């Protein structure tokens, strides 16, 4: 017997059958309330079909919607399991959409602006409320950054210095944005023509930021961070210019 096409089956559905979105909403609510525990295996497609009086294509569409919202772990030949979405998952999906809408050039410009807002605000917060443990972490990141001058490890230690400052705010959304976009942006920057000179300039700026931070001088710390980010952005634009440009 020929298999019935999904659209043909949908057309014959009784009017009281629930849509894939309705089914997804019900199951997501059950996961959020803990009625379906995290990492619990979801009922089989057959059981869900019986429960919701729905076709297999509708159930599969509902499961895809749940997975897109971050409440389902599926793949690898395993039965789908319930999960709670992570902030990073939500923002990563949003980041891909932003790049699709704006394009790489415009989205990168917005990311640079976002980096400035995050890090200038973060260093002000750190200068005001950093604890001894926070200061120790930032100091350790600064020392690691100095030791890596002129080596391939400098970029990663640069990222960790900035991350240690952002971490003081204890805001998971801001930290996730930094990890996903700012760290990715820094890691992908072009190679320097004179790495040692560049790295020393960067470290000196980091040291000036740290010095103002430990003195609790929020105004100087933010000014130093602002200058550091502006210089870094200008340098990356110069490195990206095609060979032969004036």
C-alpha atoms as a PDB file:
ATOM      1  CA  UNK A   1       0.000   0.000   0.000  1.00  0.00           C
ATOM      2  CA  UNK A   2       1.322   3.461  -0.884  1.00  0.00           C
ATOM      3  CA  UNK A   3       2.423   5.527   2.082  1.00  0.00           C
ATOM      4  CA  UNK A   4       0.142   8.452   2.866  1.00  0.00           C
ATOM      5  CA  UNK A   5       1.800  11.824   2.400  1.00  0.00           C
ATOM      6  CA  UNK A   6       1.914  13.964   5.591  1.00  0.00           C
ATOM      7  CA  UNK A   7      -0.216  16.734   4.071  1.00  0.00           C
ATOM      8  CA  UNK A   8      -2.874  14.214   3.021  1.00  0.00           C
ATOM      9  CA  UNK A   9      -3.013  12.788   6.551  1.00  0.00           C
ATOM     10  CA  UNK A  10      -3.277  16.264   8.033  1.00  0.00           C
ATOM     11  CA  UNK A  11      -6.203  17.077   5.822  1.00  0.00           C
ATOM     12  CA  UNK A  12      -8.102  14.069   7.220  1.00  0.00           C
ATOM     13  CA  UNK A  13      -7.351  14.923  10.862  1.00  0.00           C
ATOM     14  CA  UNK A  14     -10.370  15.545  13.075  1.00  0.00           C
ATOM     15  CA  UNK A  15     -10.781  19.181  14.047  1.00  0.00           C
ATOM     16  CA  UNK A  16     -10.143  18.404  17.733  1.00  0.00           C
ATOM     17  CA  UNK A  17      -6.622  17.090  17.163  1.00  0.00           C
ATOM     18  CA  UNK A  18      -3.889  19.205  18.712  1.00  0.00           C
ATOM     19  CA  UNK A  19      -1.252  20.923  16.599  1.00  0.00           C
ATOM     20  CA  UNK A  20       2.469  20.228  16.904  1.00  0.00           C
ATOM     21  CA  UNK A  21       2.866  23.577  18.683  1.00  0.00           C
ATOM     22  CA  UNK A  22       0.134  22.705  21.201  1.00  0.00           C
ATOM     23  CA  UNK A  23       1.765  19.356  21.933  1.00  0.00           C
ATOM     24  CA  UNK A  24       5.202  20.945  22.260  1.00  0.00           C
ATOM     25  CA  UNK A  25       3.816  23.548  24.703  1.00  0.00           C
ATOM     26  CA  UNK A  26       2.279  20.837  26.894  1.00  0.00           C
ATOM     27  CA  UNK A  27       5.461  18.759  27.056  1.00  0.00           C
ATOM     28  CA  UNK A  28       7.676  21.795  27.688  1.00  0.00           C
ATOM     29  CA  UNK A  29       5.441  22.821  30.603  1.00  0.00           C
ATOM     30  CA  UNK A  30       5.749  19.315  32.051  1.00  0.00           C
ATOM     31  CA  UNK A  31       9.545  19.445  31.757  1.00  0.00           C
ATOM     32  CA  UNK A  32       9.677  22.909  33.365  1.00  0.00           C
ATOM     33  CA  UNK A  33       7.453  21.770  36.247  1.00  0.00           C
ATOM     34  CA  UNK A  34       9.529  18.626  36.760  1.00  0.00           C
ATOM     35  CA  UNK A  35       6.706  16.256  35.838  1.00  0.00           C
ATOM     36  CA  UNK A  36       9.121  14.965  33.222  1.00  0.00           C
ATOM     37  CA  UNK A  37      12.473  14.943  34.978  1.00  0.00           C
ATOM     38  CA  UNK A  38      15.676  16.190  33.444  1.00  0.00           C
ATOM     39  CA  UNK A  39      17.388  13.385  31.489  1.00  0.00           C
ATOM     40  CA  UNK A  40      14.183  11.306  31.575  1.00  0.00           C
ATOM     41  CA  UNK A  41      13.472   9.432  28.358  1.00  0.00           C
ATOM     42  CA  UNK A  42      10.367  10.788  26.654  1.00  0.00           C
ATOM     43  CA  UNK A  43       7.479   8.422  25.846  1.00  0.00           C
ATOM     44  CA  UNK A  44       7.667   6.668  22.496  1.00  0.00           C
ATOM     45  CA  UNK A  45       6.194   8.292  19.411  1.00  0.00           C
ATOM     46  CA  UNK A  46       3.414   5.691  19.507  1.00  0.00           C
ATOM     47  CA  UNK A  47       2.527   6.558  23.105  1.00  0.00           C
ATOM     48  CA  UNK A  48       2.547  10.276  22.309  1.00  0.00           C
ATOM     49  CA  UNK A  49       0.336   9.659  19.283  1.00  0.00           C
ATOM     50  CA  UNK A  50      -2.188   7.888  21.510  1.00  0.00           C
ATOM     51  CA  UNK A  51      -2.010  10.493  24.256  1.00  0.00           C
ATOM     52  CA  UNK A  52      -2.527  13.479  21.975  1.00  0.00           C
ATOM     53  CA  UNK A  53      -4.587  11.760  19.288  1.00  0.00           C
ATOM     54  CA  UNK A  54      -1.989  12.901  16.767  1.00  0.00           C
ATOM     55  CA  UNK A  55      -0.206  11.471  13.749  1.00  0.00           C
ATOM     56  CA  UNK A  56       3.475  10.502  13.811  1.00  0.00           C
ATOM     57  CA  UNK A  57       4.457  13.446  11.561  1.00  0.00           C
ATOM     58  CA  UNK A  58       2.738  15.821  14.011  1.00  0.00           C
ATOM     59  CA  UNK A  59       4.521  14.231  16.988  1.00  0.00           C
ATOM     60  CA  UNK A  60       7.856  14.417  15.193  1.00  0.00           C
ATOM     61  CA  UNK A  61       7.250  18.075  14.398  1.00  0.00           C
ATOM     62  CA  UNK A  62       6.394  18.695  18.066  1.00  0.00           C
ATOM     63  CA  UNK A  63       9.602  16.971  19.190  1.00  0.00           C
ATOM     64  CA  UNK A  64      11.601  19.094  16.744  1.00  0.00           C
ATOM     65  CA  UNK A  65      10.007  22.236  18.203  1.00  0.00           C
ATOM     66  CA  UNK A  66      10.860  21.112  21.726  1.00  0.00           C
ATOM     67  CA  UNK A  67      14.449  20.413  20.715  1.00  0.00           C
ATOM     68  CA  UNK A  68      14.726  23.826  19.060  1.00  0.00           C
ATOM     69  CA  UNK A  69      13.597  25.439  22.316  1.00  0.00           C
ATOM     70  CA  UNK A  70      16.345  23.556  24.158  1.00  0.00           C
ATOM     71  CA  UNK A  71      14.174  21.174  26.181  1.00  0.00           C
ATOM     72  CA  UNK A  72      15.101  17.988  24.355  1.00  0.00           C
ATOM     73  CA  UNK A  73      18.347  16.112  23.828  1.00  0.00           C
ATOM     74  CA  UNK A  74      18.047  13.954  20.732  1.00  0.00           C
ATOM     75  CA  UNK A  75      20.378  12.373  18.200  1.00  0.00           C
ATOM     76  CA  UNK A  76      23.033   9.712  18.069  1.00  0.00           C
ATOM     77  CA  UNK A  77      20.412   6.982  17.678  1.00  0.00           C
ATOM     78  CA  UNK A  78      19.187   7.465  21.270  1.00  0.00           C
ATOM     79  CA  UNK A  79      15.647   8.006  22.465  1.00  0.00           C
ATOM     80  CA  UNK A  80      14.926  11.715  23.084  1.00  0.00           C
ATOM     81  CA  UNK A  81      15.567  12.820  26.662  1.00  0.00           C
ATOM     82  CA  UNK A  82      14.234  15.829  28.538  1.00  0.00           C
ATOM     83  CA  UNK A  83      16.666  18.594  29.438  1.00  0.00           C
ATOM     84  CA  UNK A  84      16.665  22.171  30.656  1.00  0.00           C
ATOM     85  CA  UNK A  85      17.941  24.708  28.131  1.00  0.00           C
ATOM     86  CA  UNK A  86      21.255  26.414  28.775  1.00  0.00           C
ATOM     87  CA  UNK A  87      21.713  30.158  28.368  1.00  0.00           C
ATOM     88  CA  UNK A  88      24.554  29.470  25.956  1.00  0.00           C
ATOM     89  CA  UNK A  89      22.257  27.363  23.731  1.00  0.00           C
ATOM     90  CA  UNK A  90      19.655  30.113  23.522  1.00  0.00           C
ATOM     91  CA  UNK A  91      22.197  32.827  22.785  1.00  0.00           C
ATOM     92  CA  UNK A  92      24.097  30.675  20.299  1.00  0.00           C
ATOM     93  CA  UNK A  93      20.920  30.138  18.295  1.00  0.00           C
ATOM     94  CA  UNK A  94      20.193  33.860  18.461  1.00  0.00           C
ATOM     95  CA  UNK A  95      23.740  34.687  17.383  1.00  0.00           C
ATOM     96  CA  UNK A  96      23.418  32.585  14.248  1.00  0.00           C
ATOM     97  CA  UNK A  97      20.151  34.302  13.375  1.00  0.00           C
ATOM     98  CA  UNK A  98      21.691  37.748  13.947  1.00  0.00           C
ATOM     99  CA  UNK A  99      24.538  36.957  11.550  1.00  0.00           C
ATOM    100  CA  UNK A 100      22.069  35.662   8.955  1.00  0.00           C
ATOM    101  CA  UNK A 101      20.030  38.879   9.193  1.00  0.00           C
ATOM    102  CA  UNK A 102      22.847  41.423   9.396  1.00  0.00           C
ATOM    103  CA  UNK A 103      25.673  39.700   7.553  1.00  0.00           C
ATOM    104  CA  UNK A 104      29.214  39.257   8.817  1.00  0.00           C
ATOM    105  CA  UNK A 105      30.417  42.851   8.356  1.00  0.00           C
ATOM    106  CA  UNK A 106      27.519  44.540  10.126  1.00  0.00           C
ATOM    107  CA  UNK A 107      27.232  41.899  12.836  1.00  0.00           C
ATOM    108  CA  UNK A 108      30.975  42.196  13.576  1.00  0.00           C
ATOM    109  CA  UNK A 109      30.610  45.958  13.994  1.00  0.00           C
ATOM    110  CA  UNK A 110      27.749  45.400  16.432  1.00  0.00           C
ATOM    111  CA  UNK A 111      29.810  42.790  18.279  1.00  0.00           C
ATOM    112  CA  UNK A 112      32.609  45.318  18.694  1.00  0.00           C
ATOM    113  CA  UNK A 113      30.126  47.765  20.195  1.00  0.00           C
ATOM    114  CA  UNK A 114      28.713  45.049  22.452  1.00  0.00           C
ATOM    115  CA  UNK A 115      32.225  44.186  23.610  1.00  0.00           C
ATOM    116  CA  UNK A 116      32.800  47.807  24.579  1.00  0.00           C
ATOM    117  CA  UNK A 117      29.559  47.959  26.578  1.00  0.00           C
ATOM    118  CA  UNK A 118      30.288  44.666  28.338  1.00  0.00           C
ATOM    119  CA  UNK A 119      33.932  45.210  29.200  1.00  0.00           C
ATOM    120  CA  UNK A 120      33.866  48.908  30.063  1.00  0.00           C
ATOM    121  CA  UNK A 121      30.891  48.244  32.329  1.00  0.00           C
ATOM    122  CA  UNK A 122      32.552  45.146  33.749  1.00  0.00           C
ATOM    123  CA  UNK A 123      35.776  46.899  34.683  1.00  0.00           C
ATOM    124  CA  UNK A 124      33.818  49.669  36.404  1.00  0.00           C
ATOM    125  CA  UNK A 125      31.940  47.011  38.380  1.00  0.00           C
ATOM    126  CA  UNK A 126      35.188  45.225  39.215  1.00  0.00           C
ATOM    127  CA  UNK A 127      36.847  48.415  40.460  1.00  0.00           C
ATOM    128  CA  UNK A 128      33.938  48.968  42.829  1.00  0.00           C
ATOM    129  CA  UNK A 129      33.104  45.492  44.099  1.00  0.00           C
ATOM    130  CA  UNK A 130      35.933  43.045  43.306  1.00  0.00           C
ATOM    131  CA  UNK A 131      36.759  40.798  46.265  1.00  0.00           C
ATOM    132  CA  UNK A 132      40.226  39.535  47.163  1.00  0.00           C
ATOM    133  CA  UNK A 133      39.562  36.289  45.304  1.00  0.00           C
ATOM    134  CA  UNK A 134      38.466  38.221  42.202  1.00  0.00           C
ATOM    135  CA  UNK A 135      41.609  40.361  42.346  1.00  0.00           C
ATOM    136  CA  UNK A 136      43.759  37.241  42.706  1.00  0.00           C
ATOM    137  CA  UNK A 137      42.165  35.676  39.609  1.00  0.00           C
ATOM    138  CA  UNK A 138      42.651  38.813  37.537  1.00  0.00           C
ATOM    139  CA  UNK A 139      46.258  39.115  38.765  1.00  0.00           C
ATOM    140  CA  UNK A 140      46.931  35.479  37.813  1.00  0.00           C
ATOM    141  CA  UNK A 141      45.450  36.061  34.351  1.00  0.00           C
ATOM    142  CA  UNK A 142      47.613  39.179  33.938  1.00  0.00           C
ATOM    143  CA  UNK A 143      50.751  37.265  34.960  1.00  0.00           C
ATOM    144  CA  UNK A 144      49.936  34.441  32.526  1.00  0.00           C
ATOM    145  CA  UNK A 145      49.414  37.051  29.820  1.00  0.00           C
ATOM    146  CA  UNK A 146      52.862  38.527  30.497  1.00  0.00           C
ATOM    147  CA  UNK A 147      54.532  35.118  30.404  1.00  0.00           C
ATOM    148  CA  UNK A 148      52.935  34.399  27.009  1.00  0.00           C
ATOM    149  CA  UNK A 149      54.268  37.538  25.286  1.00  0.00           C
ATOM    150  CA  UNK A 150      55.608  36.629  21.842  1.00  0.00           C
ATOM    151  CA  UNK A 151      54.146  33.110  21.917  1.00  0.00           C
ATOM    152  CA  UNK A 152      51.041  31.573  20.303  1.00  0.00           C
ATOM    153  CA  UNK A 153      49.484  31.384  23.805  1.00  0.00           C
ATOM    154  CA  UNK A 154      49.194  35.159  24.078  1.00  0.00           C
ATOM    155  CA  UNK A 155      45.763  35.322  22.410  1.00  0.00           C
ATOM    156  CA  UNK A 156      44.208  32.820  24.820  1.00  0.00           C
ATOM    157  CA  UNK A 157      45.719  34.524  27.884  1.00  0.00           C
ATOM    158  CA  UNK A 158      44.467  37.862  26.549  1.00  0.00           C
ATOM    159  CA  UNK A 159      40.957  36.418  26.455  1.00  0.00           C
ATOM    160  CA  UNK A 160      41.277  35.015  29.986  1.00  0.00           C
ATOM    161  CA  UNK A 161      42.372  38.391  31.388  1.00  0.00           C
ATOM    162  CA  UNK A 162      39.281  40.082  29.986  1.00  0.00           C
ATOM    163  CA  UNK A 163      37.084  37.180  31.054  1.00  0.00           C
ATOM    164  CA  UNK A 164      38.372  37.363  34.636  1.00  0.00           C
ATOM    165  CA  UNK A 165      37.213  40.983  34.803  1.00  0.00           C
ATOM    166  CA  UNK A 166      33.789  40.216  33.315  1.00  0.00           C
ATOM    167  CA  UNK A 167      33.410  37.318  35.762  1.00  0.00           C
ATOM    168  CA  UNK A 168      33.359  39.702  38.744  1.00  0.00           C
ATOM    169  CA  UNK A 169      29.824  40.822  37.851  1.00  0.00           C
ATOM    170  CA  UNK A 170      28.587  37.223  38.425  1.00  0.00           C
ATOM    171  CA  UNK A 171      26.030  37.698  35.647  1.00  0.00           C
ATOM    172  CA  UNK A 172      25.635  34.456  33.649  1.00  0.00           C
ATOM    173  CA  UNK A 173      24.038  36.191  30.654  1.00  0.00           C
ATOM    174  CA  UNK A 174      26.857  38.718  30.296  1.00  0.00           C
ATOM    175  CA  UNK A 175      29.530  36.057  30.839  1.00  0.00           C
ATOM    176  CA  UNK A 176      27.928  33.791  28.233  1.00  0.00           C
ATOM    177  CA  UNK A 177      27.786  36.625  25.714  1.00  0.00           C
ATOM    178  CA  UNK A 178      31.466  37.291  26.388  1.00  0.00           C
ATOM    179  CA  UNK A 179      32.419  33.643  26.010  1.00  0.00           C
ATOM    180  CA  UNK A 180      30.407  33.164  22.831  1.00  0.00           C
ATOM    181  CA  UNK A 181      31.033  36.354  20.923  1.00  0.00           C
ATOM    182  CA  UNK A 182      33.877  38.380  22.400  1.00  0.00           C
ATOM    183  CA  UNK A 183      36.205  35.447  22.990  1.00  0.00           C
ATOM    184  CA  UNK A 184      35.390  34.065  19.546  1.00  0.00           C
ATOM    185  CA  UNK A 185      36.065  37.462  17.972  1.00  0.00           C
ATOM    186  CA  UNK A 186      39.435  37.818  19.705  1.00  0.00           C
ATOM    187  CA  UNK A 187      40.495  34.274  18.872  1.00  0.00           C
ATOM    188  CA  UNK A 188      39.786  34.861  15.166  1.00  0.00           C
ATOM    189  CA  UNK A 189      41.778  38.082  14.815  1.00  0.00           C
ATOM    190  CA  UNK A 190      44.441  38.268  12.085  1.00  0.00           C
ATOM    191  CA  UNK A 191      48.052  37.357  12.808  1.00  0.00           C
ATOM    192  CA  UNK A 192      50.275  40.238  13.923  1.00  0.00           C
ATOM    193  CA  UNK A 193      53.215  41.340  11.778  1.00  0.00           C
ATOM    194  CA  UNK A 194      55.346  41.942  14.892  1.00  0.00           C
ATOM    195  CA  UNK A 195      53.870  39.744  17.650  1.00  0.00           C
ATOM    196  CA  UNK A 196      56.349  40.675  20.385  1.00  0.00           C
ATOM    197  CA  UNK A 197      55.862  44.435  20.002  1.00  0.00           C
ATOM    198  CA  UNK A 198      52.108  44.026  19.741  1.00  0.00           C
ATOM    199  CA  UNK A 199      51.919  41.747  22.777  1.00  0.00           C
ATOM    200  CA  UNK A 200      53.959  44.149  24.917  1.00  0.00           C
ATOM    201  CA  UNK A 201      51.659  47.035  24.002  1.00  0.00           C
ATOM    202  CA  UNK A 202      48.607  44.942  24.898  1.00  0.00           C
ATOM    203  CA  UNK A 203      50.115  43.768  28.199  1.00  0.00           C
ATOM    204  CA  UNK A 204      51.078  47.320  29.195  1.00  0.00           C
ATOM    205  CA  UNK A 205      47.451  48.351  28.610  1.00  0.00           C
ATOM    206  CA  UNK A 206      46.228  45.366  30.619  1.00  0.00           C
ATOM    207  CA  UNK A 207      48.563  46.321  33.446  1.00  0.00           C
ATOM    208  CA  UNK A 208      47.261  49.908  33.438  1.00  0.00           C
ATOM    209  CA  UNK A 209      43.686  48.595  33.632  1.00  0.00           C
ATOM    210  CA  UNK A 210      44.589  46.285  36.515  1.00  0.00           C
ATOM    211  CA  UNK A 211      46.481  49.005  38.372  1.00  0.00           C
ATOM    212  CA  UNK A 212      43.437  51.313  38.302  1.00  0.00           C
ATOM    213  CA  UNK A 213      41.150  48.425  39.239  1.00  0.00           C
ATOM    214  CA  UNK A 214      43.043  47.430  42.385  1.00  0.00           C
ATOM    215  CA  UNK A 215      43.150  51.077  43.481  1.00  0.00           C
ATOM    216  CA  UNK A 216      39.374  51.138  43.208  1.00  0.00           C
ATOM    217  CA  UNK A 217      39.615  53.978  40.690  1.00  0.00           C
ATOM    218  CA  UNK A 218      36.575  53.191  38.538  1.00  0.00           C
ATOM    219  CA  UNK A 219      36.882  56.268  36.313  1.00  0.00           C
ATOM    220  CA  UNK A 220      40.502  55.578  35.377  1.00  0.00           C
ATOM    221  CA  UNK A 221      39.830  51.856  34.945  1.00  0.00           C
ATOM    222  CA  UNK A 222      36.997  52.540  32.487  1.00  0.00           C
ATOM    223  CA  UNK A 223      39.063  55.141  30.616  1.00  0.00           C
ATOM    224  CA  UNK A 224      41.972  52.703  30.302  1.00  0.00           C
ATOM    225  CA  UNK A 225      39.681  49.913  29.110  1.00  0.00           C
ATOM    226  CA  UNK A 226      37.987  52.207  26.608  1.00  0.00           C
ATOM    227  CA  UNK A 227      41.331  53.297  25.138  1.00  0.00           C
ATOM    228  CA  UNK A 228      42.558  49.700  25.054  1.00  0.00           C
ATOM    229  CA  UNK A 229      39.503  48.476  23.135  1.00  0.00           C
ATOM    230  CA  UNK A 230      39.577  51.409  20.711  1.00  0.00           C
ATOM    231  CA  UNK A 231      43.276  50.838  19.929  1.00  0.00           C
ATOM    232  CA  UNK A 232      42.715  47.094  19.529  1.00  0.00           C
ATOM    233  CA  UNK A 233      39.837  47.658  17.110  1.00  0.00           C
ATOM    234  CA  UNK A 234      41.853  50.106  14.993  1.00  0.00           C
ATOM    235  CA  UNK A 235      44.763  47.676  14.813  1.00  0.00           C
ATOM    236  CA  UNK A 236      42.515  44.840  13.623  1.00  0.00           C
ATOM    237  CA  UNK A 237      41.072  47.053  10.890  1.00  0.00           C
ATOM    238  CA  UNK A 238      44.609  47.884   9.712  1.00  0.00           C
ATOM    239  CA  UNK A 239      45.585  44.203   9.664  1.00  0.00           C
ATOM    240  CA  UNK A 240      42.515  43.335   7.593  1.00  0.00           C
ATOM    241  CA  UNK A 241      43.325  45.888   4.846  1.00  0.00           C
ATOM    242  CA  UNK A 242      44.358  44.192   1.575  1.00  0.00           C
ATOM    243  CA  UNK A 243      48.088  44.243   0.789  1.00  0.00           C
ATOM    244  CA  UNK A 244      49.033  47.365  -1.137  1.00  0.00           C
ATOM    245  CA  UNK A 245      46.391  49.643   0.424  1.00  0.00           C
ATOM    246  CA  UNK A 246      47.658  53.001   1.641  1.00  0.00           C
END
